[in-house]
Amino acid sequence: METLNDSTTKTVSLHGFLRPKKEHAATLREELLALVAPTHQEAGNIVYNVHEEKDGALFIYELWRSQEDLDKHMQLPHIKNFMNKLGEWLAGDLEVYISPLISK
């Protein structure tokens, strides 16, 4: 049986909520949606979905071929730029989880 410490090549998911300040809700939504197409083009990306909740919170769900692929994604200039701006758009802390996929 595989455990969390087995491999950096195991498929990983990133999922979480982004709760925008009311005055930044449209900006956050637009900026996040602008990341979808380029992310889908990345070799290690399997899934990159953005969901909108009734309360305006945005839920992201990503699947990556490996932790290494996710790490490469996070180092891209447009992702770093997004992450640098994110704090000013959020009403609270970023709620994000990264975990290995244990089902297929």
C-alpha atoms as a PDB file:
ATOM      1  CA  MET A   1       0.000   0.000   0.000  1.00  0.00           C
ATOM      2  CA  GLU A   2       1.301   3.454  -0.924  1.00  0.00           C
ATOM      3  CA  THR A   3       1.645   6.153   1.684  1.00  0.00           C
ATOM      4  CA  LEU A   4       1.962   9.940   1.563  1.00  0.00           C
ATOM      5  CA  ASN A   5       5.760   9.698   1.579  1.00  0.00           C
ATOM      6  CA  ASP A   6       6.144   7.287  -1.356  1.00  0.00           C
ATOM      7  CA  SER A   7       6.954   9.395  -4.391  1.00  0.00           C
ATOM      8  CA  THR A   8       7.111  12.848  -5.874  1.00  0.00           C
ATOM      9  CA  THR A   9       5.866  11.323  -9.139  1.00  0.00           C
ATOM     10  CA  LYS A  10       2.449  10.407  -7.768  1.00  0.00           C
ATOM     11  CA  THR A  11      -0.553  12.347  -9.110  1.00  0.00           C
ATOM     12  CA  VAL A  12      -1.406  15.238  -6.795  1.00  0.00           C
ATOM     13  CA  SER A  13      -4.455  17.419  -6.367  1.00  0.00           C
ATOM     14  CA  LEU A  14      -4.641  21.022  -5.319  1.00  0.00           C
ATOM     15  CA  HIS A  15      -8.032  22.187  -4.138  1.00  0.00           C
ATOM     16  CA  GLY A  16      -9.345  24.992  -2.048  1.00  0.00           C
ATOM     17  CA  PHE A  17     -11.471  28.065  -1.557  1.00  0.00           C
ATOM     18  CA  LEU A  18     -10.720  31.669  -2.405  1.00  0.00           C
ATOM     19  CA  ARG A  19     -13.114  34.063  -0.680  1.00  0.00           C
ATOM     20  CA  PRO A  20     -12.804  37.507  -2.251  1.00  0.00           C
ATOM     21  CA  LYS A  21     -13.431  40.886  -0.719  1.00  0.00           C
ATOM     22  CA  LYS A  22     -16.662  42.203  -2.255  1.00  0.00           C
ATOM     23  CA  GLU A  23     -14.859  45.048  -4.004  1.00  0.00           C
ATOM     24  CA  HIS A  24     -12.399  42.575  -5.600  1.00  0.00           C
ATOM     25  CA  ALA A  25     -14.778  39.713  -6.445  1.00  0.00           C
ATOM     26  CA  ALA A  26     -14.983  40.478 -10.178  1.00  0.00           C
ATOM     27  CA  THR A  27     -11.225  41.026 -10.466  1.00  0.00           C
ATOM     28  CA  LEU A  28     -10.372  37.772  -8.701  1.00  0.00           C
ATOM     29  CA  ARG A  29     -12.862  35.847 -10.821  1.00  0.00           C
ATOM     30  CA  GLU A  30     -11.486  37.317 -14.076  1.00  0.00           C
ATOM     31  CA  GLU A  31      -7.851  36.798 -13.085  1.00  0.00           C
ATOM     32  CA  LEU A  32      -8.452  33.219 -11.999  1.00  0.00           C
ATOM     33  CA  LEU A  33     -10.359  32.364 -15.175  1.00  0.00           C
ATOM     34  CA  ALA A  34      -7.544  33.885 -17.250  1.00  0.00           C
ATOM     35  CA  LEU A  35      -5.238  31.178 -15.835  1.00  0.00           C
ATOM     36  CA  VAL A  36      -7.369  28.292 -17.124  1.00  0.00           C
ATOM     37  CA  ALA A  37      -6.298  28.188 -20.787  1.00  0.00           C
ATOM     38  CA  PRO A  38      -2.536  28.535 -20.218  1.00  0.00           C
ATOM     39  CA  THR A  39      -2.648  26.008 -17.385  1.00  0.00           C
ATOM     40  CA  HIS A  40      -4.452  23.467 -19.574  1.00  0.00           C
ATOM     41  CA  GLN A  41      -1.503  23.776 -21.982  1.00  0.00           C
ATOM     42  CA  GLU A  42       1.065  22.728 -19.371  1.00  0.00           C
ATOM     43  CA  ALA A  43       2.416  19.231 -19.904  1.00  0.00           C
ATOM     44  CA  GLY A  44       1.818  18.075 -16.318  1.00  0.00           C
ATOM     45  CA  ASN A  45      -1.725  19.417 -15.943  1.00  0.00           C
ATOM     46  CA  ILE A  46      -4.546  16.873 -15.941  1.00  0.00           C
ATOM     47  CA  VAL A  47      -7.430  18.993 -14.595  1.00  0.00           C
ATOM     48  CA  TYR A  48      -7.762  22.692 -13.792  1.00  0.00           C
ATOM     49  CA  ASN A  49     -11.308  23.694 -12.851  1.00  0.00           C
ATOM     50  CA  VAL A  50     -12.749  26.804 -11.260  1.00  0.00           C
ATOM     51  CA  HIS A  51     -16.153  26.658  -9.555  1.00  0.00           C
ATOM     52  CA  GLU A  52     -18.222  29.533  -8.200  1.00  0.00           C
ATOM     53  CA  GLU A  53     -20.228  29.076  -5.018  1.00  0.00           C
ATOM     54  CA  LYS A  54     -23.538  30.835  -4.281  1.00  0.00           C
ATOM     55  CA  ASP A  55     -21.831  33.077  -1.727  1.00  0.00           C
ATOM     56  CA  GLY A  56     -19.260  34.257  -4.288  1.00  0.00           C
ATOM     57  CA  ALA A  57     -16.433  32.067  -3.051  1.00  0.00           C
ATOM     58  CA  LEU A  58     -14.366  30.455  -5.776  1.00  0.00           C
ATOM     59  CA  PHE A  59     -13.361  26.803  -5.502  1.00  0.00           C
ATOM     60  CA  ILE A  60     -10.395  25.532  -7.470  1.00  0.00           C
ATOM     61  CA  TYR A  61      -9.663  21.916  -8.275  1.00  0.00           C
ATOM     62  CA  GLU A  62      -6.471  20.905 -10.001  1.00  0.00           C
ATOM     63  CA  LEU A  63      -4.878  17.557 -10.794  1.00  0.00           C
ATOM     64  CA  TRP A  64      -1.205  17.347 -11.649  1.00  0.00           C
ATOM     65  CA  ARG A  65       0.793  14.404 -12.972  1.00  0.00           C
ATOM     66  CA  SER A  66       3.281  14.891 -10.116  1.00  0.00           C
ATOM     67  CA  GLN A  67       4.335  17.240  -7.343  1.00  0.00           C
ATOM     68  CA  GLU A  68       7.247  18.230  -9.570  1.00  0.00           C
ATOM     69  CA  ASP A  69       4.814  19.374 -12.279  1.00  0.00           C
ATOM     70  CA  LEU A  70       2.815  21.393  -9.744  1.00  0.00           C
ATOM     71  CA  ASP A  71       6.034  22.947  -8.432  1.00  0.00           C
ATOM     72  CA  LYS A  72       7.025  23.960 -11.996  1.00  0.00           C
ATOM     73  CA  HIS A  73       3.565  25.494 -12.490  1.00  0.00           C
ATOM     74  CA  MET A  74       3.899  27.543  -9.315  1.00  0.00           C
ATOM     75  CA  GLN A  75       7.213  28.988 -10.561  1.00  0.00           C
ATOM     76  CA  LEU A  76       5.820  30.321 -13.848  1.00  0.00           C
ATOM     77  CA  PRO A  77       5.911  34.134 -14.056  1.00  0.00           C
ATOM     78  CA  HIS A  78       2.154  34.565 -14.594  1.00  0.00           C
ATOM     79  CA  ILE A  79       1.375  32.297 -11.607  1.00  0.00           C
ATOM     80  CA  LYS A  80       3.867  34.124  -9.382  1.00  0.00           C
ATOM     81  CA  ASN A  81       2.301  37.419 -10.456  1.00  0.00           C
ATOM     82  CA  PHE A  82      -1.183  36.119  -9.613  1.00  0.00           C
ATOM     83  CA  MET A  83      -0.045  34.822  -6.230  1.00  0.00           C
ATOM     84  CA  ASN A  84       1.619  38.147  -5.399  1.00  0.00           C
ATOM     85  CA  LYS A  85      -1.676  40.000  -5.983  1.00  0.00           C
ATOM     86  CA  LEU A  86      -3.924  37.406  -4.355  1.00  0.00           C
ATOM     87  CA  GLY A  87      -3.596  38.667  -0.786  1.00  0.00           C
ATOM     88  CA  GLU A  88      -5.110  42.059  -1.598  1.00  0.00           C
ATOM     89  CA  TRP A  89      -8.145  40.412  -3.234  1.00  0.00           C
ATOM     90  CA  LEU A  90      -9.017  37.931  -0.472  1.00  0.00           C
ATOM     91  CA  ALA A  91     -11.291  38.578   2.508  1.00  0.00           C
ATOM     92  CA  GLY A  92      -9.374  36.068   4.611  1.00  0.00           C
ATOM     93  CA  ASP A  93      -6.658  33.477   4.403  1.00  0.00           C
ATOM     94  CA  LEU A  94      -6.235  31.326   1.328  1.00  0.00           C
ATOM     95  CA  GLU A  95      -7.693  27.890   2.079  1.00  0.00           C
ATOM     96  CA  VAL A  96      -5.779  25.410  -0.067  1.00  0.00           C
ATOM     97  CA  TYR A  97      -4.892  21.748   0.220  1.00  0.00           C
ATOM     98  CA  ILE A  98      -2.360  19.729  -1.744  1.00  0.00           C
ATOM     99  CA  SER A  99      -2.532  15.982  -1.453  1.00  0.00           C
ATOM    100  CA  PRO A 100      -1.654  12.827  -3.367  1.00  0.00           C
ATOM    101  CA  LEU A 101      -4.449  11.197  -5.294  1.00  0.00           C
ATOM    102  CA  ILE A 102      -5.109   7.783  -3.752  1.00  0.00           C
ATOM    103  CA  SER A 103      -7.876   6.630  -6.107  1.00  0.00           C
ATOM    104  CA  LYS A 104      -7.929   6.243  -9.868  1.00  0.00           C
END
